[in-house]
Structure formats: C-alpha cells, structure tokens
Amino acid sequence: MVLTDTHCHLNFDDYHADLDAVLDRSRAAGLQRILVPGIDLESSREILSMVEKDPLLYAAVGVHPNSGNSWNKETRVGLRNLVDHPGVVAIGEIGLDYYRDRTPRDMQKEILQQQLDLALECCLPVILHVRNQSEEDRSCMEDLLKILEKWVISASPPFKDRSHKPGVLHSFSGNLLESIQAVELGFYLGITGPVTYKTAEALRDVVKAAPLDRLLIETDGPFLSPQAKRGKRNEPAHVCYIVDKISEVIDEPVDRVAEQTTANAAALFMWE
C-alpha cells in the first residue's frame, strides 16, 4: 500500500534518539509522504532544516494556539519569509484551544485570523487544531466553525477559483453535525488513532458518514497511538492501523482506503 501521514511532530524530542529508524520503518510500511507541522516560529524553522535532509518530509509553518504568547509583531513576517521554501505545503498547526487556555481566547482568535489571511495571501491550505473545554462545552468548535465560515465565504478570489483547497480539521474530534458543517465548507477531516479506541463510536459514526474523498490519515505522533500501540510512542508507520479501522467501518477494501486517502492528501497539499 501507498500511505501518507499528514500530521506528525517528528521534530519533537521524542524522536531525536532514533529518527532515522522511525523514517526507515515509515518507508517499509509504504509511506511516501509525512507532513511535519510547526507549533511556533522557531519550530517551523527547525522543520525546514529536516525537510531539506529527507525527501519523505514536508512542512507546515505556523503558530499553535497554545504557543500564542510567542506571537509578536515580527511573527507574521517571519512565517511569510518561510513560505517560499519548496518544502512548505500548508500553514499550520493553527487554531483554537479552550482546553489548555494557555493563550487568552481573544488573542487566539486574532492570531488565527492573521494566519488564515496569510494562507490566502500565499495560496496555501491550513491545518487546524481545535480542542473544546469539555465534551459538554463545545464553544471552541463553535467559534472555530464561525470563523472558518466567514473566512471561506469572504475569500477573494473565492475558493472555487483558487488553486488550493481550504484545509483540514486535524485529528477531528467533533460530532456528526460539526463534521458535516466542516465538509460543506470545503474542509477535510483528519482521522487519527482514537478511531480505533473501543469507546470512539461517535468518531466512527463521523467516518461512516463522511465522503471517503474528504478523509485524511494522520498519526499526530508522538501522541494518540492506535489501540494496538496504546501506551507507546506513536509514529508514522502506525497509520496502517487507522487505515484498517476505516476500512472496517465503511466496509471498503483496505487498498481502496489507502489509495483514496493518499490521493486526498496530494489534492490538498499539492505535492507530487
């Protein structure tokens, strides 16, 4: 199978001791692309140096909402200067996080908006993080979808006339209605290890209802290991467990799920 991991933090310390072995296992598992997202300006620069050393790797540059306090008047310029690197295929990881709340919410929204505008300027898709305060309080997802709806509608030129698609809601954890809203706005849904968890029926319902051509496979490594690897560090080679579970849930052959999700990633991130 040809596979892709559209979100893995390979620059984190968790991989420093054995990154070469991790990448060897990735290739052996059939991975042809791994996207490494930034969480602040410094990590975005670091990732570009990794991308230059291995053709398997691609980069997204951006400031995560939990890193929002690192944002200053120079940050947007710094990100803009990185975008022209040939390995950069997205703006991310950006978004809102009301669970950690490490950055004031108004500031999170302002930083998100600036990076959404940067994505339009640079004709790149966005990789979006969203984490609600709790299962009961879903205001974070509600706020994000409102911002994205306005962004998509007001884009000039509109997305139908652009060379790129809007982006992906990474490690999607929303409910069925939220997934429908996201897809209708033109976004992909990133599916991670939790789809394999015994208690994740709601997420499997989302996968079952979503068009296969709007799903992406991602590990979010080193986090969110699939059920078969719970308690261990996650890594790109583990995407096979996600593909297997999606295949089971939607009753489609594993090869078809792998082929389509790989094609979806290529369509979104415009890599060859």
C-alpha atoms as a PDB file:
ATOM      1  CA  MET A   1       0.000   0.000   0.000  1.00  0.00           C
ATOM      2  CA  VAL A   2       0.969   3.604  -0.591  1.00  0.00           C
ATOM      3  CA  LEU A   3       0.322   5.619   2.571  1.00  0.00           C
ATOM      4  CA  THR A   4       0.672   9.152   3.883  1.00  0.00           C
ATOM      5  CA  ASP A   5       0.918  10.605   7.381  1.00  0.00           C
ATOM      6  CA  THR A   6      -0.430  14.141   7.108  1.00  0.00           C
ATOM      7  CA  HIS A   7       0.457  15.184  10.668  1.00  0.00           C
ATOM      8  CA  CYS A   8       3.384  14.011  12.777  1.00  0.00           C
ATOM      9  CA  HIS A   9       5.618  16.086  15.072  1.00  0.00           C
ATOM     10  CA  LEU A  10       8.881  14.419  14.096  1.00  0.00           C
ATOM     11  CA  ASN A  11      10.832  17.433  15.329  1.00  0.00           C
ATOM     12  CA  PHE A  12       9.808  16.749  18.948  1.00  0.00           C
ATOM     13  CA  ASP A  13      12.365  15.404  21.413  1.00  0.00           C
ATOM     14  CA  ASP A  14      10.513  12.062  21.451  1.00  0.00           C
ATOM     15  CA  TYR A  15      12.146  11.201  18.096  1.00  0.00           C
ATOM     16  CA  HIS A  16      15.618  12.668  18.485  1.00  0.00           C
ATOM     17  CA  ALA A  17      17.273   9.426  19.589  1.00  0.00           C
ATOM     18  CA  ASP A  18      16.053   7.245  16.710  1.00  0.00           C
ATOM     19  CA  LEU A  19      14.626   9.446  13.942  1.00  0.00           C
ATOM     20  CA  ASP A  20      16.464   7.551  11.208  1.00  0.00           C
ATOM     21  CA  ALA A  21      14.974   4.263  12.398  1.00  0.00           C
ATOM     22  CA  VAL A  22      11.497   5.849  12.555  1.00  0.00           C
ATOM     23  CA  LEU A  23      11.853   7.009   8.966  1.00  0.00           C
ATOM     24  CA  ASP A  24      13.144   3.594   7.859  1.00  0.00           C
ATOM     25  CA  ARG A  25      10.071   1.944   9.398  1.00  0.00           C
ATOM     26  CA  SER A  26       7.882   4.530   7.696  1.00  0.00           C
ATOM     27  CA  ARG A  27       9.270   3.681   4.287  1.00  0.00           C
ATOM     28  CA  ALA A  28       8.991  -0.050   4.975  1.00  0.00           C
ATOM     29  CA  ALA A  29       5.294   0.462   5.840  1.00  0.00           C
ATOM     30  CA  GLY A  30       4.666   2.126   2.475  1.00  0.00           C
ATOM     31  CA  LEU A  31       4.660   5.785   3.444  1.00  0.00           C
ATOM     32  CA  GLN A  32       5.564   8.179   0.643  1.00  0.00           C
ATOM     33  CA  ARG A  33       4.879  11.478   2.417  1.00  0.00           C
ATOM     34  CA  ILE A  34       4.994  12.709   6.020  1.00  0.00           C
ATOM     35  CA  LEU A  35       3.895  16.236   6.887  1.00  0.00           C
ATOM     36  CA  VAL A  36       5.572  17.813   9.923  1.00  0.00           C
ATOM     37  CA  PRO A  37       3.681  20.856  11.295  1.00  0.00           C
ATOM     38  CA  GLY A  38       5.170  23.765  13.186  1.00  0.00           C
ATOM     39  CA  ILE A  39       3.840  24.971  16.513  1.00  0.00           C
ATOM     40  CA  ASP A  40       5.716  28.293  16.611  1.00  0.00           C
ATOM     41  CA  LEU A  41       8.176  30.252  14.503  1.00  0.00           C
ATOM     42  CA  GLU A  42      11.231  28.525  15.950  1.00  0.00           C
ATOM     43  CA  SER A  43       9.909  25.005  15.367  1.00  0.00           C
ATOM     44  CA  SER A  44       8.781  25.956  11.862  1.00  0.00           C
ATOM     45  CA  ARG A  45      12.341  26.946  11.013  1.00  0.00           C
ATOM     46  CA  GLU A  46      13.666  23.752  12.574  1.00  0.00           C
ATOM     47  CA  ILE A  47      11.317  21.618  10.491  1.00  0.00           C
ATOM     48  CA  LEU A  48      12.550  23.177   7.261  1.00  0.00           C
ATOM     49  CA  SER A  49      16.066  22.009   8.056  1.00  0.00           C
ATOM     50  CA  MET A  50      14.666  18.467   8.486  1.00  0.00           C
ATOM     51  CA  VAL A  51      12.763  18.654   5.208  1.00  0.00           C
ATOM     52  CA  GLU A  52      15.941  19.594   3.364  1.00  0.00           C
ATOM     53  CA  LYS A  53      17.596  16.372   4.541  1.00  0.00           C
ATOM     54  CA  ASP A  54      14.881  13.857   3.595  1.00  0.00           C
ATOM     55  CA  PRO A  55      12.535  13.879   0.559  1.00  0.00           C
ATOM     56  CA  LEU A  56       9.939  11.919   2.566  1.00  0.00           C
ATOM     57  CA  LEU A  57       9.225  15.006   4.670  1.00  0.00           C
ATOM     58  CA  TYR A  58       7.134  18.113   4.021  1.00  0.00           C
ATOM     59  CA  ALA A  59       6.476  21.077   6.282  1.00  0.00           C
ATOM     60  CA  ALA A  60       3.681  23.276   7.541  1.00  0.00           C
ATOM     61  CA  VAL A  61       4.615  26.545   9.239  1.00  0.00           C
ATOM     62  CA  GLY A  62       2.516  28.273  11.850  1.00  0.00           C
ATOM     63  CA  VAL A  63       1.822  29.152  15.467  1.00  0.00           C
ATOM     64  CA  HIS A  64      -0.306  26.780  17.545  1.00  0.00           C
ATOM     65  CA  PRO A  65      -2.863  28.417  19.860  1.00  0.00           C
ATOM     66  CA  ASN A  66      -1.013  27.061  22.897  1.00  0.00           C
ATOM     67  CA  SER A  67       2.090  28.870  21.656  1.00  0.00           C
ATOM     68  CA  GLY A  68       0.203  32.113  21.153  1.00  0.00           C
ATOM     69  CA  ASN A  69       2.186  34.002  23.761  1.00  0.00           C
ATOM     70  CA  SER A  70       5.208  33.716  21.459  1.00  0.00           C
ATOM     71  CA  TRP A  71       3.415  35.854  18.850  1.00  0.00           C
ATOM     72  CA  ASN A  72       4.693  39.382  18.319  1.00  0.00           C
ATOM     73  CA  LYS A  73       4.694  41.983  15.547  1.00  0.00           C
ATOM     74  CA  GLU A  74       7.537  40.155  13.782  1.00  0.00           C
ATOM     75  CA  THR A  75       5.982  36.677  13.788  1.00  0.00           C
ATOM     76  CA  ARG A  76       3.759  37.056  10.740  1.00  0.00           C
ATOM     77  CA  VAL A  77       6.678  38.440   8.746  1.00  0.00           C
ATOM     78  CA  GLY A  78       8.827  35.559   9.937  1.00  0.00           C
ATOM     79  CA  LEU A  79       6.254  32.998   8.806  1.00  0.00           C
ATOM     80  CA  ARG A  80       5.820  34.763   5.486  1.00  0.00           C
ATOM     81  CA  ASN A  81       9.541  34.523   4.890  1.00  0.00           C
ATOM     82  CA  LEU A  82       9.394  30.731   5.365  1.00  0.00           C
ATOM     83  CA  VAL A  83       6.506  30.109   2.995  1.00  0.00           C
ATOM     84  CA  ASP A  84       8.575  30.342  -0.179  1.00  0.00           C
ATOM     85  CA  HIS A  85      10.600  27.288   0.845  1.00  0.00           C
ATOM     86  CA  PRO A  86       9.683  24.482  -1.614  1.00  0.00           C
ATOM     87  CA  GLY A  87       9.035  22.064   1.241  1.00  0.00           C
ATOM     88  CA  VAL A  88       6.244  24.184   2.763  1.00  0.00           C
ATOM     89  CA  VAL A  89       2.797  22.917   1.757  1.00  0.00           C
ATOM     90  CA  ALA A  90       0.492  24.435   4.407  1.00  0.00           C
ATOM     91  CA  ILE A  91       0.028  26.978   7.184  1.00  0.00           C
ATOM     92  CA  GLY A  92      -0.274  25.117  10.456  1.00  0.00           C
ATOM     93  CA  GLU A  93      -0.727  23.950  13.064  1.00  0.00           C
ATOM     94  CA  ILE A  94      -3.089  26.816  13.862  1.00  0.00           C
ATOM     95  CA  GLY A  95      -6.483  27.111  15.509  1.00  0.00           C
ATOM     96  CA  LEU A  96      -8.185  27.428  18.881  1.00  0.00           C
ATOM     97  CA  ASP A  97      -7.696  25.583  22.165  1.00  0.00           C
ATOM     98  CA  TYR A  98     -10.077  26.235  25.064  1.00  0.00           C
ATOM     99  CA  TYR A  99      -8.888  23.166  26.991  1.00  0.00           C
ATOM    100  CA  ARG A 100      -5.347  24.310  27.782  1.00  0.00           C
ATOM    101  CA  ASP A 101      -6.250  28.000  27.566  1.00  0.00           C
ATOM    102  CA  ARG A 102      -2.570  28.968  27.595  1.00  0.00           C
ATOM    103  CA  THR A 103      -3.300  31.993  25.430  1.00  0.00           C
ATOM    104  CA  PRO A 104      -6.192  34.428  26.051  1.00  0.00           C
ATOM    105  CA  ARG A 105      -9.082  33.488  23.781  1.00  0.00           C
ATOM    106  CA  ASP A 106      -9.340  36.864  22.077  1.00  0.00           C
ATOM    107  CA  MET A 107      -5.631  36.639  21.302  1.00  0.00           C
ATOM    108  CA  GLN A 108      -6.063  33.088  19.965  1.00  0.00           C
ATOM    109  CA  LYS A 109      -8.717  34.342  17.555  1.00  0.00           C
ATOM    110  CA  GLU A 110      -6.589  37.268  16.384  1.00  0.00           C
ATOM    111  CA  ILE A 111      -3.549  35.051  15.779  1.00  0.00           C
ATOM    112  CA  LEU A 112      -5.721  32.525  13.956  1.00  0.00           C
ATOM    113  CA  GLN A 113      -7.215  35.219  11.735  1.00  0.00           C
ATOM    114  CA  GLN A 114      -3.819  36.612  10.829  1.00  0.00           C
ATOM    115  CA  GLN A 115      -2.628  33.147   9.813  1.00  0.00           C
ATOM    116  CA  LEU A 116      -5.808  32.430   7.853  1.00  0.00           C
ATOM    117  CA  ASP A 117      -5.194  35.663   5.951  1.00  0.00           C
ATOM    118  CA  LEU A 118      -1.582  34.623   5.384  1.00  0.00           C
ATOM    119  CA  ALA A 119      -2.763  31.326   3.922  1.00  0.00           C
ATOM    120  CA  LEU A 120      -4.979  33.164   1.429  1.00  0.00           C
ATOM    121  CA  GLU A 121      -2.131  35.501   0.543  1.00  0.00           C
ATOM    122  CA  CYS A 122       0.241  32.596  -0.063  1.00  0.00           C
ATOM    123  CA  CYS A 123      -2.318  30.259  -1.679  1.00  0.00           C
ATOM    124  CA  LEU A 124      -1.787  27.507   0.881  1.00  0.00           C
ATOM    125  CA  PRO A 125      -4.243  25.301   2.794  1.00  0.00           C
ATOM    126  CA  VAL A 126      -4.442  25.443   6.597  1.00  0.00           C
ATOM    127  CA  ILE A 127      -4.034  22.717   9.227  1.00  0.00           C
ATOM    128  CA  LEU A 128      -6.443  23.434  12.069  1.00  0.00           C
ATOM    129  CA  HIS A 129      -6.296  22.455  15.729  1.00  0.00           C
ATOM    130  CA  VAL A 130      -9.421  22.666  17.875  1.00  0.00           C
ATOM    131  CA  ARG A 131      -9.917  21.425  21.412  1.00  0.00           C
ATOM    132  CA  ASN A 132     -13.056  22.072  23.419  1.00  0.00           C
ATOM    133  CA  GLN A 133     -13.000  22.894  27.116  1.00  0.00           C
ATOM    134  CA  SER A 134     -15.040  19.735  27.742  1.00  0.00           C
ATOM    135  CA  GLU A 135     -17.424  17.377  25.981  1.00  0.00           C
ATOM    136  CA  GLU A 136     -20.293  19.454  27.315  1.00  0.00           C
ATOM    137  CA  ASP A 137     -18.805  22.848  26.423  1.00  0.00           C
ATOM    138  CA  ARG A 138     -18.276  22.826  22.663  1.00  0.00           C
ATOM    139  CA  SER A 139     -17.815  26.584  22.290  1.00  0.00           C
ATOM    140  CA  CYS A 140     -14.303  26.151  20.879  1.00  0.00           C
ATOM    141  CA  MET A 141     -15.529  24.171  17.869  1.00  0.00           C
ATOM    142  CA  GLU A 142     -18.490  26.527  17.517  1.00  0.00           C
ATOM    143  CA  ASP A 143     -16.200  29.557  17.458  1.00  0.00           C
ATOM    144  CA  LEU A 144     -13.807  27.918  15.005  1.00  0.00           C
ATOM    145  CA  LEU A 145     -16.552  26.964  12.555  1.00  0.00           C
ATOM    146  CA  LYS A 146     -17.963  30.514  12.664  1.00  0.00           C
ATOM    147  CA  ILE A 147     -14.536  31.964  11.901  1.00  0.00           C
ATOM    148  CA  LEU A 148     -13.941  29.456   9.110  1.00  0.00           C
ATOM    149  CA  GLU A 149     -17.352  30.040   7.549  1.00  0.00           C
ATOM    150  CA  LYS A 150     -16.702  33.786   7.367  1.00  0.00           C
ATOM    151  CA  TRP A 151     -13.187  33.164   6.033  1.00  0.00           C
ATOM    152  CA  VAL A 152     -14.339  30.806   3.292  1.00  0.00           C
ATOM    153  CA  ILE A 153     -17.253  33.000   2.222  1.00  0.00           C
ATOM    154  CA  SER A 154     -15.185  36.196   2.111  1.00  0.00           C
ATOM    155  CA  ALA A 155     -12.124  34.726   0.374  1.00  0.00           C
ATOM    156  CA  SER A 156     -11.132  36.788  -2.636  1.00  0.00           C
ATOM    157  CA  PRO A 157     -10.808  35.261  -5.120  1.00  0.00           C
ATOM    158  CA  PRO A 158     -13.260  32.591  -3.908  1.00  0.00           C
ATOM    159  CA  PHE A 159     -12.008  29.068  -3.317  1.00  0.00           C
ATOM    160  CA  LYS A 160     -13.729  27.801  -6.461  1.00  0.00           C
ATOM    161  CA  ASP A 161     -11.315  29.975  -8.429  1.00  0.00           C
ATOM    162  CA  ARG A 162      -8.227  29.174  -6.342  1.00  0.00           C
ATOM    163  CA  SER A 163      -5.572  26.556  -6.985  1.00  0.00           C
ATOM    164  CA  HIS A 164      -5.773  25.339  -3.374  1.00  0.00           C
ATOM    165  CA  LYS A 165      -8.471  23.989  -1.066  1.00  0.00           C
ATOM    166  CA  PRO A 166      -9.236  25.494   2.382  1.00  0.00           C
ATOM    167  CA  GLY A 167      -7.574  22.900   4.620  1.00  0.00           C
ATOM    168  CA  VAL A 168      -8.107  20.159   7.182  1.00  0.00           C
ATOM    169  CA  LEU A 169      -9.515  19.932  10.694  1.00  0.00           C
ATOM    170  CA  HIS A 170      -6.670  17.929  12.127  1.00  0.00           C
ATOM    171  CA  SER A 171      -7.339  14.968  14.460  1.00  0.00           C
ATOM    172  CA  PHE A 172     -11.043  15.555  14.120  1.00  0.00           C
ATOM    173  CA  SER A 173     -12.923  15.033  17.375  1.00  0.00           C
ATOM    174  CA  GLY A 174     -16.156  16.847  16.614  1.00  0.00           C
ATOM    175  CA  ASN A 175     -19.638  15.391  16.429  1.00  0.00           C
ATOM    176  CA  LEU A 176     -21.534  14.362  13.314  1.00  0.00           C
ATOM    177  CA  LEU A 177     -23.173  17.755  12.766  1.00  0.00           C
ATOM    178  CA  GLU A 178     -19.837  19.548  13.131  1.00  0.00           C
ATOM    179  CA  SER A 179     -18.218  17.188  10.638  1.00  0.00           C
ATOM    180  CA  ILE A 180     -20.969  17.899   8.115  1.00  0.00           C
ATOM    181  CA  GLN A 181     -20.502  21.644   8.586  1.00  0.00           C
ATOM    182  CA  ALA A 182     -16.748  21.350   8.073  1.00  0.00           C
ATOM    183  CA  VAL A 183     -17.100  19.253   4.915  1.00  0.00           C
ATOM    184  CA  GLU A 184     -19.710  21.640   3.497  1.00  0.00           C
ATOM    185  CA  LEU A 185     -17.215  24.492   3.966  1.00  0.00           C
ATOM    186  CA  GLY A 186     -14.709  22.533   1.884  1.00  0.00           C
ATOM    187  CA  PHE A 187     -12.509  21.101   4.628  1.00  0.00           C
ATOM    188  CA  TYR A 188     -11.033  17.650   5.015  1.00  0.00           C
ATOM    189  CA  LEU A 189     -11.248  15.669   8.253  1.00  0.00           C
ATOM    190  CA  GLY A 190      -8.014  14.301   9.727  1.00  0.00           C
ATOM    191  CA  ILE A 191      -8.514  10.868  11.298  1.00  0.00           C
ATOM    192  CA  THR A 192      -6.103   9.685  13.997  1.00  0.00           C
ATOM    193  CA  GLY A 193      -5.572   6.751  16.376  1.00  0.00           C
ATOM    194  CA  PRO A 194      -8.679   7.350  18.534  1.00  0.00           C
ATOM    195  CA  VAL A 195     -10.827   5.952  15.705  1.00  0.00           C
ATOM    196  CA  THR A 196      -9.507   2.543  16.857  1.00  0.00           C
ATOM    197  CA  TYR A 197     -10.498   3.011  20.523  1.00  0.00           C
ATOM    198  CA  LYS A 198     -13.338   0.924  21.909  1.00  0.00           C
ATOM    199  CA  THR A 199     -15.190   3.987  23.216  1.00  0.00           C
ATOM    200  CA  ALA A 200     -14.943   6.002  19.982  1.00  0.00           C
ATOM    201  CA  GLU A 201     -18.294   5.110  18.431  1.00  0.00           C
ATOM    202  CA  ALA A 202     -19.114   8.777  17.801  1.00  0.00           C
ATOM    203  CA  LEU A 203     -15.930   9.241  15.786  1.00  0.00           C
ATOM    204  CA  ARG A 204     -16.587   6.076  13.823  1.00  0.00           C
ATOM    205  CA  ASP A 205     -20.076   7.441  13.029  1.00  0.00           C
ATOM    206  CA  VAL A 206     -18.377  10.546  11.635  1.00  0.00           C
ATOM    207  CA  VAL A 207     -16.096   8.398   9.474  1.00  0.00           C
ATOM    208  CA  LYS A 208     -19.017   6.316   8.275  1.00  0.00           C
ATOM    209  CA  ALA A 209     -20.985   9.405   7.244  1.00  0.00           C
ATOM    210  CA  ALA A 210     -18.151  11.382   5.652  1.00  0.00           C
ATOM    211  CA  PRO A 211     -17.269  11.089   1.964  1.00  0.00           C
ATOM    212  CA  LEU A 212     -14.114   8.983   1.654  1.00  0.00           C
ATOM    213  CA  ASP A 213     -12.616  11.637  -0.601  1.00  0.00           C
ATOM    214  CA  ARG A 214     -12.638  14.084   2.332  1.00  0.00           C
ATOM    215  CA  LEU A 215     -10.711  11.971   4.851  1.00  0.00           C
ATOM    216  CA  LEU A 216      -7.011  12.239   5.646  1.00  0.00           C
ATOM    217  CA  ILE A 217      -4.902   9.776   7.624  1.00  0.00           C
ATOM    218  CA  GLU A 218      -2.615  11.129  10.330  1.00  0.00           C
ATOM    219  CA  THR A 219      -0.896   9.925  13.485  1.00  0.00           C
ATOM    220  CA  ASP A 220      -0.380  13.201  15.389  1.00  0.00           C
ATOM    221  CA  GLY A 221       2.705  11.397  16.666  1.00  0.00           C
ATOM    222  CA  PRO A 222       4.120  11.131  19.239  1.00  0.00           C
ATOM    223  CA  PHE A 223       0.551  11.353  20.603  1.00  0.00           C
ATOM    224  CA  LEU A 224      -2.664   9.367  20.093  1.00  0.00           C
ATOM    225  CA  SER A 225      -1.253   5.909  19.451  1.00  0.00           C
ATOM    226  CA  PRO A 226      -3.813   3.489  17.994  1.00  0.00           C
ATOM    227  CA  GLN A 227      -5.314   0.834  20.246  1.00  0.00           C
ATOM    228  CA  ALA A 228      -2.728  -1.798  19.269  1.00  0.00           C
ATOM    229  CA  LYS A 229       0.073   0.545  20.392  1.00  0.00           C
ATOM    230  CA  ARG A 230      -1.551   2.246  23.384  1.00  0.00           C
ATOM    231  CA  GLY A 231       0.997   3.328  25.960  1.00  0.00           C
ATOM    232  CA  LYS A 232       3.781   3.507  23.362  1.00  0.00           C
ATOM    233  CA  ARG A 233       5.079   6.405  21.314  1.00  0.00           C
ATOM    234  CA  ASN A 234       3.157   6.908  18.109  1.00  0.00           C
ATOM    235  CA  GLU A 235       4.997   7.103  14.783  1.00  0.00           C
ATOM    236  CA  PRO A 236       4.136   7.288  11.056  1.00  0.00           C
ATOM    237  CA  ALA A 237       4.328   3.540  10.433  1.00  0.00           C
ATOM    238  CA  HIS A 238       1.247   3.195  12.659  1.00  0.00           C
ATOM    239  CA  VAL A 239      -1.045   4.772  10.060  1.00  0.00           C
ATOM    240  CA  CYS A 240      -1.793   1.239   8.871  1.00  0.00           C
ATOM    241  CA  TYR A 241      -3.938   0.679  11.982  1.00  0.00           C
ATOM    242  CA  ILE A 242      -6.011   3.744  11.144  1.00  0.00           C
ATOM    243  CA  VAL A 243      -6.473   2.649   7.543  1.00  0.00           C
ATOM    244  CA  ASP A 244      -7.515  -0.819   8.694  1.00  0.00           C
ATOM    245  CA  LYS A 245     -10.147   0.589  11.063  1.00  0.00           C
ATOM    246  CA  ILE A 246     -11.573   2.975   8.476  1.00  0.00           C
ATOM    247  CA  SER A 247     -11.758   0.086   6.027  1.00  0.00           C
ATOM    248  CA  GLU A 248     -13.727  -1.914   8.586  1.00  0.00           C
ATOM    249  CA  VAL A 249     -16.051   0.977   9.475  1.00  0.00           C
ATOM    250  CA  ILE A 250     -17.008   1.944   5.918  1.00  0.00           C
ATOM    251  CA  ASP A 251     -16.821  -1.605   4.521  1.00  0.00           C
ATOM    252  CA  GLU A 252     -14.335  -0.772   1.798  1.00  0.00           C
ATOM    253  CA  PRO A 253     -11.129  -2.665   0.894  1.00  0.00           C
ATOM    254  CA  VAL A 254      -8.021  -1.541   2.763  1.00  0.00           C
ATOM    255  CA  ASP A 255      -6.205  -0.833  -0.516  1.00  0.00           C
ATOM    256  CA  ARG A 256      -9.006   1.476  -1.612  1.00  0.00           C
ATOM    257  CA  VAL A 257      -8.899   3.434   1.658  1.00  0.00           C
ATOM    258  CA  ALA A 258      -5.126   3.759   1.430  1.00  0.00           C
ATOM    259  CA  GLU A 259      -5.233   4.827  -2.217  1.00  0.00           C
ATOM    260  CA  GLN A 260      -8.023   7.380  -1.743  1.00  0.00           C
ATOM    261  CA  THR A 261      -6.677   8.987   1.410  1.00  0.00           C
ATOM    262  CA  THR A 262      -3.231   9.265  -0.183  1.00  0.00           C
ATOM    263  CA  ALA A 263      -4.841  10.932  -3.201  1.00  0.00           C
ATOM    264  CA  ASN A 264      -6.762  13.249  -0.871  1.00  0.00           C
ATOM    265  CA  ALA A 265      -3.520  14.374   0.760  1.00  0.00           C
ATOM    266  CA  ALA A 266      -1.969  15.042  -2.638  1.00  0.00           C
ATOM    267  CA  ALA A 267      -5.008  17.076  -3.676  1.00  0.00           C
ATOM    268  CA  LEU A 268      -4.931  19.193  -0.519  1.00  0.00           C
ATOM    269  CA  PHE A 269      -1.202  19.742  -0.135  1.00  0.00           C
ATOM    270  CA  MET A 270      -0.435  19.842  -3.869  1.00  0.00           C
ATOM    271  CA  TRP A 271       2.641  17.657  -3.639  1.00  0.00           C
ATOM    272  CA  GLU A 272       3.667  15.377  -6.476  1.00  0.00           C
END
